[in-house]
Protein backbone atom coordinates (compact mmCIF):
# COMPACT_ATOMS: atom_id res chain seq x y z
CA MET A 1 55.21 11.02 210.74
CA SER A 2 53.14 13.20 208.36
CA GLU A 3 54.22 15.46 205.68
CA PRO A 4 54.40 19.48 206.35
CA LEU A 5 51.66 21.26 205.19
CA THR A 6 52.04 22.90 201.99
CA THR A 7 51.45 26.81 201.55
CA ALA A 8 48.71 28.30 199.56
CA GLY A 9 49.20 27.45 195.87
CA GLU A 10 51.96 25.60 196.33
CA GLY A 11 50.04 21.97 195.76
CA PHE A 12 51.16 18.75 196.63
CA HIS A 13 54.31 18.71 194.30
CA PRO A 14 56.41 21.39 195.63
CA HIS A 15 59.67 19.40 193.69
CA LEU A 16 58.19 20.66 190.42
CA HIS A 17 59.84 23.98 191.20
CA ASP A 18 63.25 22.25 191.40
CA THR A 19 63.44 21.30 187.66
CA PRO A 20 66.65 19.61 186.50
CA GLN A 21 68.78 20.99 183.95
CA GLY A 22 67.49 24.53 184.31
CA ARG A 23 63.89 23.61 182.32
CA PRO A 24 60.98 26.10 183.25
CA THR A 25 58.89 25.82 185.99
CA ALA A 26 56.09 23.62 185.45
CA PRO A 27 52.82 25.08 184.12
CA LEU A 28 49.68 25.22 185.82
CA HIS A 29 48.28 22.55 184.36
CA THR A 30 51.00 19.85 185.15
CA ARG A 31 50.45 20.24 189.07
CA LEU A 32 48.11 20.03 191.77
CA HIS A 33 46.88 23.15 193.53
CA HIS A 34 46.23 23.50 197.16
CA ILE A 35 43.70 26.28 198.00
CA ARG A 36 43.49 26.83 201.99
CA ALA A 37 40.31 27.89 203.30
CA ASP A 38 41.87 31.14 204.67
CA SER A 39 42.70 32.19 201.18
CA LEU A 40 39.55 32.08 199.35
CA ASP A 41 38.95 34.82 196.68
CA GLY A 42 36.19 37.07 197.55
CA ASP A 43 36.52 39.19 194.29
CA THR A 44 33.38 37.20 192.71
CA ALA A 45 30.39 38.00 191.01
CA GLN A 46 27.78 38.78 193.86
CA THR A 47 24.11 38.76 194.74
CA GLY A 48 22.49 40.70 197.55
CA GLY A 49 22.28 38.69 200.69
CA MET A 50 24.96 36.28 199.89
CA ARG A 51 29.21 36.41 199.90
CA ARG A 52 30.73 34.37 197.28
CA PHE A 53 34.39 33.05 197.54
CA ALA A 54 36.16 31.46 194.81
CA ALA A 55 38.69 28.27 195.66
CA ILE A 56 38.84 26.90 192.22
CA SER A 57 38.77 29.22 188.93
CA GLY A 58 40.47 30.37 186.11
CA ARG A 59 42.12 33.07 188.21
CA THR A 60 43.09 31.03 191.11
CA THR A 61 44.24 27.88 189.78
CA GLY A 62 43.83 28.15 185.89
CA SER A 63 40.90 26.02 185.56
CA GLU A 64 39.28 25.95 182.14
CA LYS A 65 35.91 24.27 182.67
CA LEU A 66 35.25 24.67 186.51
CA TRP A 67 34.41 26.95 189.37
CA MET A 68 34.06 25.90 192.76
CA GLY A 69 33.85 27.99 195.93
CA GLN A 70 31.94 28.75 198.97
CA THR A 71 28.83 30.92 199.45
CA HIS A 72 27.55 32.28 202.84
CA VAL A 73 24.11 33.37 203.36
CA ALA A 74 23.64 35.61 206.63
CA PRO A 75 20.68 34.72 208.94
CA SER A 76 17.39 35.73 208.14
CA THR A 77 18.36 36.81 204.49
CA SER A 78 17.73 35.87 200.79
CA SER A 79 19.64 36.41 197.98
CA SER A 80 18.50 38.42 194.68
CA ASP A 81 16.73 36.44 192.14
CA HIS A 82 19.23 35.32 189.92
CA HIS A 83 20.71 32.46 187.30
CA HIS A 84 23.88 31.40 186.47
CA GLY A 85 24.14 31.65 182.40
CA ALA A 86 25.30 28.58 181.06
CA SER A 87 26.70 27.17 183.88
CA GLU A 88 25.85 24.09 185.38
CA THR A 89 25.76 24.35 189.34
CA ALA A 90 26.05 21.58 192.01
CA ILE A 91 25.25 23.04 195.62
CA HIS A 92 26.38 20.88 198.55
CA VAL A 93 24.94 22.16 202.17
CA VAL A 94 27.59 22.49 204.68
CA SER A 95 25.73 23.92 207.49
CA GLY A 96 22.65 25.53 208.15
CA HIS A 97 19.28 24.92 206.58
CA PRO A 98 19.25 26.96 203.17
CA GLU A 99 16.07 27.06 201.13
CA PHE A 100 16.30 27.18 197.50
CA VAL A 101 13.58 28.78 195.34
CA PHE A 102 12.36 28.39 191.76
CA ILE A 103 9.31 28.49 189.48
CA ASP A 104 8.07 25.03 188.25
CA ASP A 105 5.78 25.73 185.10
CA SER A 106 5.55 22.00 184.10
CA GLY A 107 1.77 21.61 185.10
CA GLU A 108 -1.12 23.74 184.06
CA GLU A 109 -0.17 26.92 186.20
CA PRO A 110 3.13 28.17 186.86
CA GLN A 111 4.24 27.28 190.56
CA GLU A 112 6.79 28.62 193.17
CA VAL A 113 8.83 25.57 194.70
CA ARG A 114 10.78 25.93 197.94
CA LEU A 115 13.29 23.06 198.38
CA ARG A 116 14.03 22.92 202.16
CA THR A 117 17.75 21.70 202.69
CA SER A 118 19.87 20.03 205.77
CA PRO A 119 23.74 19.58 205.97
CA GLY A 120 24.90 16.99 203.44
CA ASP A 121 22.05 17.62 201.24
CA TYR A 122 22.84 18.45 197.58
CA ILE A 123 21.03 20.78 194.74
CA PHE A 124 21.56 21.02 191.22
CA VAL A 125 20.66 24.04 189.10
CA PRO A 126 20.43 23.71 185.53
CA PRO A 127 21.57 26.40 182.95
CA PHE A 128 19.55 29.72 183.09
CA VAL A 129 17.06 28.59 185.64
CA PRO A 130 16.14 31.74 187.79
CA HIS A 131 16.33 30.97 191.60
CA ARG A 132 17.04 32.48 194.86
CA GLU A 133 18.52 31.02 197.76
CA GLU A 134 17.30 32.12 201.29
CA ASN A 135 18.41 31.27 204.93
CA PRO A 136 15.23 31.49 207.20
CA ASP A 137 17.31 30.91 210.27
CA PRO A 138 17.36 33.99 212.57
CA SER A 139 20.72 33.29 214.07
CA GLU A 140 22.74 30.73 212.08
CA GLU A 141 24.47 31.45 208.91
CA ALA A 142 24.17 29.04 205.98
CA VAL A 143 27.28 27.76 204.10
CA VAL A 144 27.13 25.75 200.74
CA VAL A 145 29.88 24.62 198.85
CA ILE A 146 29.20 25.50 194.93
CA ALA A 147 30.57 23.70 191.70
CA ARG A 148 29.99 25.13 188.31
CA SER A 149 30.97 23.94 185.06
CA THR A 150 32.62 27.06 183.92
CA GLN A 151 35.53 28.39 185.08
CA GLU A 152 34.37 31.64 186.67
CA ALA A 153 31.17 32.15 188.99
CA ILE A 154 28.56 33.56 186.33
CA VAL A 155 25.45 35.37 188.41
CA VAL A 156 23.02 37.16 186.28
CA ASN A 157 20.81 39.14 189.07
CA LEU A 158 17.11 39.43 187.99
CA PRO A 159 13.98 41.36 189.16
CA ARG A 160 11.93 38.58 189.85
CA LEU A 161 11.22 34.90 189.11
CA TYR A 162 8.62 34.11 186.62
CA ALA A 163 7.72 31.61 183.75
CA LEU A 164 6.94 32.22 180.14
CA PRO A 165 3.56 31.34 178.51
CA ALA A 166 3.86 27.72 177.71
CA ASP A 167 3.81 28.46 174.05
CA GLU A 168 6.56 30.82 173.97
CA ALA A 169 8.71 28.31 176.34
CA ARG A 170 8.08 25.63 173.71
CA ARG A 171 9.35 27.84 171.11
CA ARG A 172 12.40 29.03 173.13
CA GLY A 173 13.29 25.39 174.12
CA SER A 174 12.87 26.27 177.79
CA GLY A 175 10.06 26.44 180.34
CA LEU A 176 11.92 29.39 182.53
CA HIS A 177 12.70 32.69 180.90
CA LEU A 178 14.66 35.76 181.95
CA PRO A 179 13.98 39.42 181.53
């Protein structure tokens, strides 16, 4: 016989609320948190062409070093060019075939690179790397799960993707630059 489902935010330790001897309820960092799919938080930083939903964040669970959520990219659309500040970002493709576009300036000439993905694939986006997500499919929404190394979703929208001249990039310590 299986255990009954927990309610949103209740976690897997409902007994923590029943503390002996009148001690206060357990703080956020001493219990697990269960975030149901239907209770994701849509009040997040957004980029045109996408809908982001927080599951794990400072606001939803008290997370201090991690943000995790879902992003939906509508059919035949793309996000704005953007980066995620100092966050490292890991992306897992759940459905659809989203494409991730960035500028690679490791060669003689900067070149636009398009990573075409399938369900089950992963993408890693280093901090401050300008990029764009696209969903070229005319009828299927693309859904990805995102994890970031900061407690909130940082989104810095940009006017375009572009690379610095090589000497400027070396001086700044990065091959990509934001306006």
